[in-house]
Amino acid sequence: MQHAKLLSALLLWALFTAAPVMAQVHEFRLDNGLKVLVKEDHRAPVVVSQIWYKVGSSYEHDGITGVSHVLEHMMFKGTARHGPGEFSRI
């Protein structure tokens, strides 16, 4: 019974301390339709960015399946004009 009380107390503490962190995410949409999420974290003087694309087989229509997979390979393996890894440096 003591373990259940301790576990309950820890879970409640985790929920209440995590709530302010989760509330710091700001969402807005640019004029071009791009959805942007921003979460500030001042623990280190760096910026981290991620870009997520809504692409893949679940977004492809009949007749154009596989296009996302080909583009993925071009991004990592490169093309005749852009070498491997060059897209990562952009």
PDB file of N, CA and C in Angstrom:
ATOM      1  N   MET A   1       0.824  -1.196   0.000  1.00  0.00           N
ATOM      2  CA  MET A   1       0.000   0.000   0.000  1.00  0.00           C
ATOM      3  C   MET A   1       0.866   1.257   0.000  1.00  0.00           C
ATOM      4  N   GLN A   2       1.981   1.211   0.737  1.00  0.00           N
ATOM      5  CA  GLN A   2       2.894   2.357   0.780  1.00  0.00           C
ATOM      6  C   GLN A   2       3.466   2.643  -0.610  1.00  0.00           C
ATOM      7  N   HIS A   3       3.762   1.565  -1.343  1.00  0.00           N
ATOM      8  CA  HIS A   3       4.320   1.741  -2.688  1.00  0.00           C
ATOM      9  C   HIS A   3       3.306   2.407  -3.615  1.00  0.00           C
ATOM     10  N   ALA A   4       2.037   2.049  -3.472  1.00  0.00           N
ATOM     11  CA  ALA A   4       0.992   2.639  -4.313  1.00  0.00           C
ATOM     12  C   ALA A   4       0.845   4.129  -4.022  1.00  0.00           C
ATOM     13  N   LYS A   5       0.927   4.508  -2.752  1.00  0.00           N
ATOM     14  CA  LYS A   5       0.828   5.924  -2.386  1.00  0.00           C
ATOM     15  C   LYS A   5       2.018   6.707  -2.927  1.00  0.00           C
ATOM     16  N   LEU A   6       3.201   6.120  -2.790  1.00  0.00           N
ATOM     17  CA  LEU A   6       4.407   6.780  -3.287  1.00  0.00           C
ATOM     18  C   LEU A   6       4.349   6.934  -4.806  1.00  0.00           C
ATOM     19  N   LEU A   7       3.927   5.877  -5.488  1.00  0.00           N
ATOM     20  CA  LEU A   7       3.818   5.935  -6.946  1.00  0.00           C
ATOM     21  C   LEU A   7       2.789   6.980  -7.375  1.00  0.00           C
ATOM     22  N   SER A   8       1.661   7.026  -6.693  1.00  0.00           N
ATOM     23  CA  SER A   8       0.634   8.024  -7.005  1.00  0.00           C
ATOM     24  C   SER A   8       1.160   9.438  -6.801  1.00  0.00           C
ATOM     25  N   ALA A   9       1.880   9.645  -5.707  1.00  0.00           N
ATOM     26  CA  ALA A   9       2.440  10.967  -5.433  1.00  0.00           C
ATOM     27  C   ALA A   9       3.449  11.365  -6.506  1.00  0.00           C
ATOM     28  N   LEU A  10       4.291  10.430  -6.930  1.00  0.00           N
ATOM     29  CA  LEU A  10       5.276  10.717  -7.974  1.00  0.00           C
ATOM     30  C   LEU A  10       4.601  11.035  -9.311  1.00  0.00           C
ATOM     31  N   LEU A  11       3.559  10.296  -9.644  1.00  0.00           N
ATOM     32  CA  LEU A  11       2.848  10.560 -10.894  1.00  0.00           C
ATOM     33  C   LEU A  11       2.175  11.928 -10.876  1.00  0.00           C
ATOM     34  N   LEU A  12       1.555  12.281  -9.757  1.00  0.00           N
ATOM     35  CA  LEU A  12       0.933  13.601  -9.645  1.00  0.00           C
ATOM     36  C   LEU A  12       1.972  14.708  -9.749  1.00  0.00           C
ATOM     37  N   TRP A  13       3.104  14.515  -9.090  1.00  0.00           N
ATOM     38  CA  TRP A  13       4.180  15.508  -9.158  1.00  0.00           C
ATOM     39  C   TRP A  13       4.658  15.673 -10.602  1.00  0.00           C
ATOM     40  N   ALA A  14       4.833  14.555 -11.308  1.00  0.00           N
ATOM     41  CA  ALA A  14       5.298  14.607 -12.696  1.00  0.00           C
ATOM     42  C   ALA A  14       4.291  15.336 -13.587  1.00  0.00           C
ATOM     43  N   LEU A  15       3.013  15.087 -13.377  1.00  0.00           N
ATOM     44  CA  LEU A  15       1.989  15.758 -14.183  1.00  0.00           C
ATOM     45  C   LEU A  15       1.974  17.260 -13.943  1.00  0.00           C
ATOM     46  N   PHE A  16       2.063  17.666 -12.692  1.00  0.00           N
ATOM     47  CA  PHE A  16       2.001  19.093 -12.379  1.00  0.00           C
ATOM     48  C   PHE A  16       3.264  19.837 -12.797  1.00  0.00           C
ATOM     49  N   THR A  17       4.415  19.190 -12.747  1.00  0.00           N
ATOM     50  CA  THR A  17       5.641  19.869 -13.173  1.00  0.00           C
ATOM     51  C   THR A  17       5.774  19.883 -14.691  1.00  0.00           C
ATOM     52  N   ALA A  18       5.183  18.926 -15.384  1.00  0.00           N
ATOM     53  CA  ALA A  18       5.271  18.874 -16.846  1.00  0.00           C
ATOM     54  C   ALA A  18       4.284  19.828 -17.504  1.00  0.00           C
ATOM     55  N   ALA A  19       3.202  20.157 -16.850  1.00  0.00           N
ATOM     56  CA  ALA A  19       2.166  21.006 -17.449  1.00  0.00           C
ATOM     57  C   ALA A  19       2.702  22.359 -17.907  1.00  0.00           C
ATOM     58  N   PRO A  20       3.505  23.088 -17.106  1.00  0.00           N
ATOM     59  CA  PRO A  20       4.025  24.374 -17.594  1.00  0.00           C
ATOM     60  C   PRO A  20       4.949  24.221 -18.793  1.00  0.00           C
ATOM     61  N   VAL A  21       5.727  23.152 -18.844  1.00  0.00           N
ATOM     62  CA  VAL A  21       6.636  22.932 -19.969  1.00  0.00           C
ATOM     63  C   VAL A  21       5.834  22.703 -21.242  1.00  0.00           C
ATOM     64  N   MET A  22       4.790  21.913 -21.153  1.00  0.00           N
ATOM     65  CA  MET A  22       3.962  21.626 -22.319  1.00  0.00           C
ATOM     66  C   MET A  22       3.219  22.875 -22.780  1.00  0.00           C
ATOM     67  N   ALA A  23       2.916  23.777 -21.879  1.00  0.00           N
ATOM     68  CA  ALA A  23       2.157  24.976 -22.222  1.00  0.00           C
ATOM     69  C   ALA A  23       3.009  26.012 -22.950  1.00  0.00           C
ATOM     70  N   GLN A  24       4.325  25.837 -23.014  1.00  0.00           N
ATOM     71  CA  GLN A  24       5.209  26.821 -23.620  1.00  0.00           C
ATOM     72  C   GLN A  24       5.342  26.668 -25.134  1.00  0.00           C
ATOM     73  N   VAL A  25       4.622  25.755 -25.736  1.00  0.00           N
ATOM     74  CA  VAL A  25       4.691  25.579 -27.184  1.00  0.00           C
ATOM     75  C   VAL A  25       3.752  26.582 -27.841  1.00  0.00           C
ATOM     76  N   HIS A  26       4.301  27.383 -28.743  1.00  0.00           N
ATOM     77  CA  HIS A  26       3.517  28.390 -29.466  1.00  0.00           C
ATOM     78  C   HIS A  26       3.306  27.903 -30.894  1.00  0.00           C
ATOM     79  N   GLU A  27       2.093  27.995 -31.373  1.00  0.00           N
ATOM     80  CA  GLU A  27       1.764  27.537 -32.721  1.00  0.00           C
ATOM     81  C   GLU A  27       1.216  28.706 -33.535  1.00  0.00           C
ATOM     82  N   PHE A  28       1.727  28.855 -34.749  1.00  0.00           N
ATOM     83  CA  PHE A  28       1.187  29.862 -35.657  1.00  0.00           C
ATOM     84  C   PHE A  28       1.388  29.402 -37.089  1.00  0.00           C
ATOM     85  N   ARG A  29       0.719  30.057 -38.018  1.00  0.00           N
ATOM     86  CA  ARG A  29       0.783  29.682 -39.427  1.00  0.00           C
ATOM     87  C   ARG A  29       1.267  30.882 -40.239  1.00  0.00           C
ATOM     88  N   LEU A  30       2.259  30.637 -41.091  1.00  0.00           N
ATOM     89  CA  LEU A  30       2.785  31.690 -41.958  1.00  0.00           C
ATOM     90  C   LEU A  30       1.820  31.967 -43.108  1.00  0.00           C
ATOM     91  N   ASP A  31       2.042  33.076 -43.798  1.00  0.00           N
ATOM     92  CA  ASP A  31       1.186  33.450 -44.930  1.00  0.00           C
ATOM     93  C   ASP A  31       1.171  32.384 -46.023  1.00  0.00           C
ATOM     94  N   ASN A  32       2.276  31.634 -46.160  1.00  0.00           N
ATOM     95  CA  ASN A  32       2.339  30.599 -47.196  1.00  0.00           C
ATOM     96  C   ASN A  32       1.713  29.279 -46.754  1.00  0.00           C
ATOM     97  N   GLY A  33       1.124  29.251 -45.537  1.00  0.00           N
ATOM     98  CA  GLY A  33       0.443  28.054 -45.054  1.00  0.00           C
ATOM     99  C   GLY A  33       1.293  27.164 -44.170  1.00  0.00           C
ATOM    100  N   LEU A  34       2.573  27.470 -44.032  1.00  0.00           N
ATOM    101  CA  LEU A  34       3.458  26.645 -43.215  1.00  0.00           C
ATOM    102  C   LEU A  34       3.077  26.769 -41.742  1.00  0.00           C
ATOM    103  N   LYS A  35       2.856  25.632 -41.106  1.00  0.00           N
ATOM    104  CA  LYS A  35       2.532  25.601 -39.678  1.00  0.00           C
ATOM    105  C   LYS A  35       3.838  25.562 -38.894  1.00  0.00           C
ATOM    106  N   VAL A  36       3.986  26.459 -37.925  1.00  0.00           N
ATOM    107  CA  VAL A  36       5.221  26.576 -37.151  1.00  0.00           C
ATOM    108  C   VAL A  36       4.909  26.361 -35.675  1.00  0.00           C
ATOM    109  N   LEU A  37       5.689  25.500 -35.032  1.00  0.00           N
ATOM    110  CA  LEU A  37       5.604  25.284 -33.592  1.00  0.00           C
ATOM    111  C   LEU A  37       6.920  25.740 -32.985  1.00  0.00           C
ATOM    112  N   VAL A  38       6.860  26.546 -31.934  1.00  0.00           N
ATOM    113  CA  VAL A  38       8.062  27.067 -31.290  1.00  0.00           C
ATOM    114  C   VAL A  38       8.006  26.745 -29.810  1.00  0.00           C
ATOM    115  N   LYS A  39       9.109  26.189 -29.300  1.00  0.00           N
ATOM    116  CA  LYS A  39       9.231  25.912 -27.871  1.00  0.00           C
ATOM    117  C   LYS A  39      10.575  26.459 -27.419  1.00  0.00           C
ATOM    118  N   GLU A  40      10.543  27.476 -26.595  1.00  0.00           N
ATOM    119  CA  GLU A  40      11.781  28.080 -26.106  1.00  0.00           C
ATOM    120  C   GLU A  40      12.351  27.246 -24.971  1.00  0.00           C
ATOM    121  N   ASP A  41      13.674  27.137 -24.971  1.00  0.00           N
ATOM    122  CA  ASP A  41      14.388  26.425 -23.913  1.00  0.00           C
ATOM    123  C   ASP A  41      15.740  27.114 -23.779  1.00  0.00           C
ATOM    124  N   HIS A  42      15.924  27.840 -22.712  1.00  0.00           N
ATOM    125  CA  HIS A  42      17.120  28.665 -22.544  1.00  0.00           C
ATOM    126  C   HIS A  42      18.217  27.974 -21.742  1.00  0.00           C
ATOM    127  N   ARG A  43      18.176  26.641 -21.663  1.00  0.00           N
ATOM    128  CA  ARG A  43      19.208  25.931 -20.904  1.00  0.00           C
ATOM    129  C   ARG A  43      20.559  25.949 -21.608  1.00  0.00           C
ATOM    130  N   ALA A  44      20.560  26.146 -22.919  1.00  0.00           N
ATOM    131  CA  ALA A  44      21.813  26.201 -23.672  1.00  0.00           C
ATOM    132  C   ALA A  44      21.660  27.231 -24.794  1.00  0.00           C
ATOM    133  N   PRO A  45      22.753  27.923 -25.161  1.00  0.00           N
ATOM    134  CA  PRO A  45      22.675  28.959 -26.202  1.00  0.00           C
ATOM    135  C   PRO A  45      22.740  28.377 -27.618  1.00  0.00           C
ATOM    136  N   VAL A  46      21.789  27.526 -27.943  1.00  0.00           N
ATOM    137  CA  VAL A  46      21.750  26.900 -29.267  1.00  0.00           C
ATOM    138  C   VAL A  46      20.323  26.949 -29.804  1.00  0.00           C
ATOM    139  N   VAL A  47      20.210  26.729 -31.102  1.00  0.00           N
ATOM    140  CA  VAL A  47      18.907  26.625 -31.748  1.00  0.00           C
ATOM    141  C   VAL A  47      18.846  25.267 -32.432  1.00  0.00           C
ATOM    142  N   VAL A  48      17.756  24.582 -32.252  1.00  0.00           N
ATOM    143  CA  VAL A  48      17.529  23.304 -32.910  1.00  0.00           C
ATOM    144  C   VAL A  48      16.271  23.449 -33.746  1.00  0.00           C
ATOM    145  N   SER A  49      16.322  22.989 -34.978  1.00  0.00           N
ATOM    146  CA  SER A  49      15.131  23.067 -35.825  1.00  0.00           C
ATOM    147  C   SER A  49      14.868  21.709 -36.457  1.00  0.00           C
ATOM    148  N   GLN A  50      13.605  21.447 -36.694  1.00  0.00           N
ATOM    149  CA  GLN A  50      13.176  20.232 -37.377  1.00  0.00           C
ATOM    150  C   GLN A  50      12.132  20.627 -38.406  1.00  0.00           C
ATOM    151  N   ILE A  51      12.124  19.934 -39.508  1.00  0.00           N
ATOM    152  CA  ILE A  51      11.092  20.147 -40.519  1.00  0.00           C
ATOM    153  C   ILE A  51      10.439  18.797 -40.775  1.00  0.00           C
ATOM    154  N   TRP A  52       9.147  18.749 -40.624  1.00  0.00           N
ATOM    155  CA  TRP A  52       8.380  17.533 -40.881  1.00  0.00           C
ATOM    156  C   TRP A  52       7.483  17.795 -42.078  1.00  0.00           C
ATOM    157  N   TYR A  53       7.539  16.911 -43.043  1.00  0.00           N
ATOM    158  CA  TYR A  53       6.717  17.033 -44.238  1.00  0.00           C
ATOM    159  C   TYR A  53       5.591  16.012 -44.174  1.00  0.00           C
ATOM    160  N   LYS A  54       4.410  16.431 -44.547  1.00  0.00           N
ATOM    161  CA  LYS A  54       3.289  15.498 -44.630  1.00  0.00           C
ATOM    162  C   LYS A  54       3.334  14.859 -46.011  1.00  0.00           C
ATOM    163  N   VAL A  55       4.231  13.897 -46.145  1.00  0.00           N
ATOM    164  CA  VAL A  55       4.405  13.196 -47.411  1.00  0.00           C
ATOM    165  C   VAL A  55       4.545  11.710 -47.122  1.00  0.00           C
ATOM    166  N   GLY A  56       4.534  10.945 -48.154  1.00  0.00           N
ATOM    167  CA  GLY A  56       4.697   9.507 -48.014  1.00  0.00           C
ATOM    168  C   GLY A  56       3.570   8.776 -48.713  1.00  0.00           C
ATOM    169  N   SER A  57       3.606   7.472 -48.602  1.00  0.00           N
ATOM    170  CA  SER A  57       2.632   6.660 -49.331  1.00  0.00           C
ATOM    171  C   SER A  57       1.200   6.953 -48.911  1.00  0.00           C
ATOM    172  N   SER A  58       0.990   7.378 -47.667  1.00  0.00           N
ATOM    173  CA  SER A  58      -0.382   7.665 -47.229  1.00  0.00           C
ATOM    174  C   SER A  58      -0.926   8.942 -47.867  1.00  0.00           C
ATOM    175  N   TYR A  59      -0.060   9.775 -48.443  1.00  0.00           N
ATOM    176  CA  TYR A  59      -0.494  11.016 -49.087  1.00  0.00           C
ATOM    177  C   TYR A  59      -0.453  10.923 -50.613  1.00  0.00           C
ATOM    178  N   GLU A  60       0.025   9.803 -51.144  1.00  0.00           N
ATOM    179  CA  GLU A  60       0.126   9.657 -52.593  1.00  0.00           C
ATOM    180  C   GLU A  60      -1.178   9.132 -53.179  1.00  0.00           C
ATOM    181  N   HIS A  61      -1.462   9.553 -54.409  1.00  0.00           N
ATOM    182  CA  HIS A  61      -2.672   9.130 -55.103  1.00  0.00           C
ATOM    183  C   HIS A  61      -2.319   8.034 -56.096  1.00  0.00           C
ATOM    184  N   ASP A  62      -3.316   7.318 -56.551  1.00  0.00           N
ATOM    185  CA  ASP A  62      -3.093   6.282 -57.559  1.00  0.00           C
ATOM    186  C   ASP A  62      -2.378   6.876 -58.765  1.00  0.00           C
ATOM    187  N   GLY A  63      -1.404   6.171 -59.253  1.00  0.00           N
ATOM    188  CA  GLY A  63      -0.667   6.615 -60.427  1.00  0.00           C
ATOM    189  C   GLY A  63       0.632   7.336 -60.116  1.00  0.00           C
ATOM    190  N   ILE A  64       0.814   7.788 -58.880  1.00  0.00           N
ATOM    191  CA  ILE A  64       2.072   8.459 -58.533  1.00  0.00           C
ATOM    192  C   ILE A  64       2.711   7.833 -57.287  1.00  0.00           C
ATOM    193  N   THR A  65       2.384   6.598 -56.994  1.00  0.00           N
ATOM    194  CA  THR A  65       2.953   5.955 -55.812  1.00  0.00           C
ATOM    195  C   THR A  65       4.453   5.751 -55.995  1.00  0.00           C
ATOM    196  N   GLY A  66       5.182   5.912 -54.920  1.00  0.00           N
ATOM    197  CA  GLY A  66       6.626   5.726 -54.936  1.00  0.00           C
ATOM    198  C   GLY A  66       7.418   7.006 -55.102  1.00  0.00           C
ATOM    199  N   VAL A  67       6.748   8.097 -55.427  1.00  0.00           N
ATOM    200  CA  VAL A  67       7.449   9.368 -55.641  1.00  0.00           C
ATOM    201  C   VAL A  67       8.157   9.806 -54.361  1.00  0.00           C
ATOM    202  N   SER A  68       7.493   9.700 -53.234  1.00  0.00           N
ATOM    203  CA  SER A  68       8.100  10.108 -51.962  1.00  0.00           C
ATOM    204  C   SER A  68       9.341   9.287 -51.658  1.00  0.00           C
ATOM    205  N   HIS A  69       9.292   8.000 -51.968  1.00  0.00           N
ATOM    206  CA  HIS A  69      10.437   7.130 -51.700  1.00  0.00           C
ATOM    207  C   HIS A  69      11.631   7.504 -52.580  1.00  0.00           C
ATOM    208  N   VAL A  70      11.371   7.822 -53.828  1.00  0.00           N
ATOM    209  CA  VAL A  70      12.445   8.240 -54.739  1.00  0.00           C
ATOM    210  C   VAL A  70      13.071   9.542 -54.250  1.00  0.00           C
ATOM    211  N   LEU A  71      12.240  10.499 -53.861  1.00  0.00           N
ATOM    212  CA  LEU A  71      12.764  11.778 -53.369  1.00  0.00           C
ATOM    213  C   LEU A  71      13.575  11.587 -52.090  1.00  0.00           C
ATOM    214  N   GLU A  72      13.142  10.678 -51.238  1.00  0.00           N
ATOM    215  CA  GLU A  72      13.895  10.385 -50.014  1.00  0.00           C
ATOM    216  C   GLU A  72      15.306   9.899 -50.358  1.00  0.00           C
ATOM    217  N   HIS A  73      15.408   8.991 -51.310  1.00  0.00           N
ATOM    218  CA  HIS A  73      16.728   8.486 -51.704  1.00  0.00           C
ATOM    219  C   HIS A  73      17.580   9.579 -52.336  1.00  0.00           C
ATOM    220  N   MET A  74      16.966  10.468 -53.089  1.00  0.00           N
ATOM    221  CA  MET A  74      17.717  11.576 -53.674  1.00  0.00           C
ATOM    222  C   MET A  74      18.266  12.488 -52.580  1.00  0.00           C
ATOM    223  N   MET A  75      17.498  12.682 -51.508  1.00  0.00           N
ATOM    224  CA  MET A  75      17.938  13.550 -50.411  1.00  0.00           C
ATOM    225  C   MET A  75      19.182  12.982 -49.730  1.00  0.00           C
ATOM    226  N   PHE A  76      19.233  11.666 -49.545  1.00  0.00           N
ATOM    227  CA  PHE A  76      20.341  11.067 -48.806  1.00  0.00           C
ATOM    228  C   PHE A  76      21.490  10.611 -49.699  1.00  0.00           C
ATOM    229  N   LYS A  77      21.178  10.068 -50.865  1.00  0.00           N
ATOM    230  CA  LYS A  77      22.220   9.536 -51.743  1.00  0.00           C
ATOM    231  C   LYS A  77      22.747  10.570 -52.727  1.00  0.00           C
ATOM    232  N   GLY A  78      21.993  11.635 -52.923  1.00  0.00           N
ATOM    233  CA  GLY A  78      22.419  12.664 -53.853  1.00  0.00           C
ATOM    234  C   GLY A  78      21.938  12.401 -55.269  1.00  0.00           C
ATOM    235  N   THR A  79      22.275  13.323 -56.127  1.00  0.00           N
ATOM    236  CA  THR A  79      21.927  13.224 -57.548  1.00  0.00           C
ATOM    237  C   THR A  79      23.190  13.513 -58.350  1.00  0.00           C
ATOM    238  N   ALA A  80      23.069  13.560 -59.664  1.00  0.00           N
ATOM    239  CA  ALA A  80      24.230  13.883 -60.499  1.00  0.00           C
ATOM    240  C   ALA A  80      24.722  15.299 -60.207  1.00  0.00           C
ATOM    241  N   ARG A  81      23.819  16.179 -59.832  1.00  0.00           N
ATOM    242  CA  ARG A  81      24.171  17.575 -59.587  1.00  0.00           C
ATOM    243  C   ARG A  81      24.507  17.859 -58.120  1.00  0.00           C
ATOM    244  N   HIS A  82      23.865  17.162 -57.205  1.00  0.00           N
ATOM    245  CA  HIS A  82      24.053  17.384 -55.770  1.00  0.00           C
ATOM    246  C   HIS A  82      24.555  16.098 -55.127  1.00  0.00           C
ATOM    247  N   GLY A  83      25.733  16.160 -54.525  1.00  0.00           N
ATOM    248  CA  GLY A  83      26.355  14.981 -53.947  1.00  0.00           C
ATOM    249  C   GLY A  83      25.660  14.477 -52.687  1.00  0.00           C
ATOM    250  N   PRO A  84      26.041  13.274 -52.236  1.00  0.00           N
ATOM    251  CA  PRO A  84      25.466  12.706 -51.018  1.00  0.00           C
ATOM    252  C   PRO A  84      25.680  13.635 -49.820  1.00  0.00           C
ATOM    253  N   GLY A  85      24.627  13.853 -49.053  1.00  0.00           N
ATOM    254  CA  GLY A  85      24.723  14.687 -47.858  1.00  0.00           C
ATOM    255  C   GLY A  85      24.612  16.174 -48.104  1.00  0.00           C
ATOM    256  N   GLU A  86      24.618  16.598 -49.366  1.00  0.00           N
ATOM    257  CA  GLU A  86      24.569  18.037 -49.653  1.00  0.00           C
ATOM    258  C   GLU A  86      23.249  18.663 -49.203  1.00  0.00           C
ATOM    259  N   PHE A  87      22.149  17.929 -49.326  1.00  0.00           N
ATOM    260  CA  PHE A  87      20.857  18.458 -48.895  1.00  0.00           C
ATOM    261  C   PHE A  87      20.837  18.678 -47.384  1.00  0.00           C
ATOM    262  N   SER A  88      21.594  17.902 -46.633  1.00  0.00           N
ATOM    263  CA  SER A  88      21.647  18.059 -45.172  1.00  0.00           C
ATOM    264  C   SER A  88      22.349  19.346 -44.772  1.00  0.00           C
ATOM    265  N   ARG A  89      23.233  19.846 -45.612  1.00  0.00           N
ATOM    266  CA  ARG A  89      23.977  21.070 -45.291  1.00  0.00           C
ATOM    267  C   ARG A  89      23.192  22.333 -45.621  1.00  0.00           C
ATOM    268  N   ILE A  90      22.136  22.195 -46.384  1.00  0.00           N
ATOM    269  CA  ILE A  90      21.359  23.370 -46.800  1.00  0.00           C
ATOM    270  C   ILE A  90      20.599  23.926 -45.619  1.00  0.00           C
TER     271      ILE A  90
END
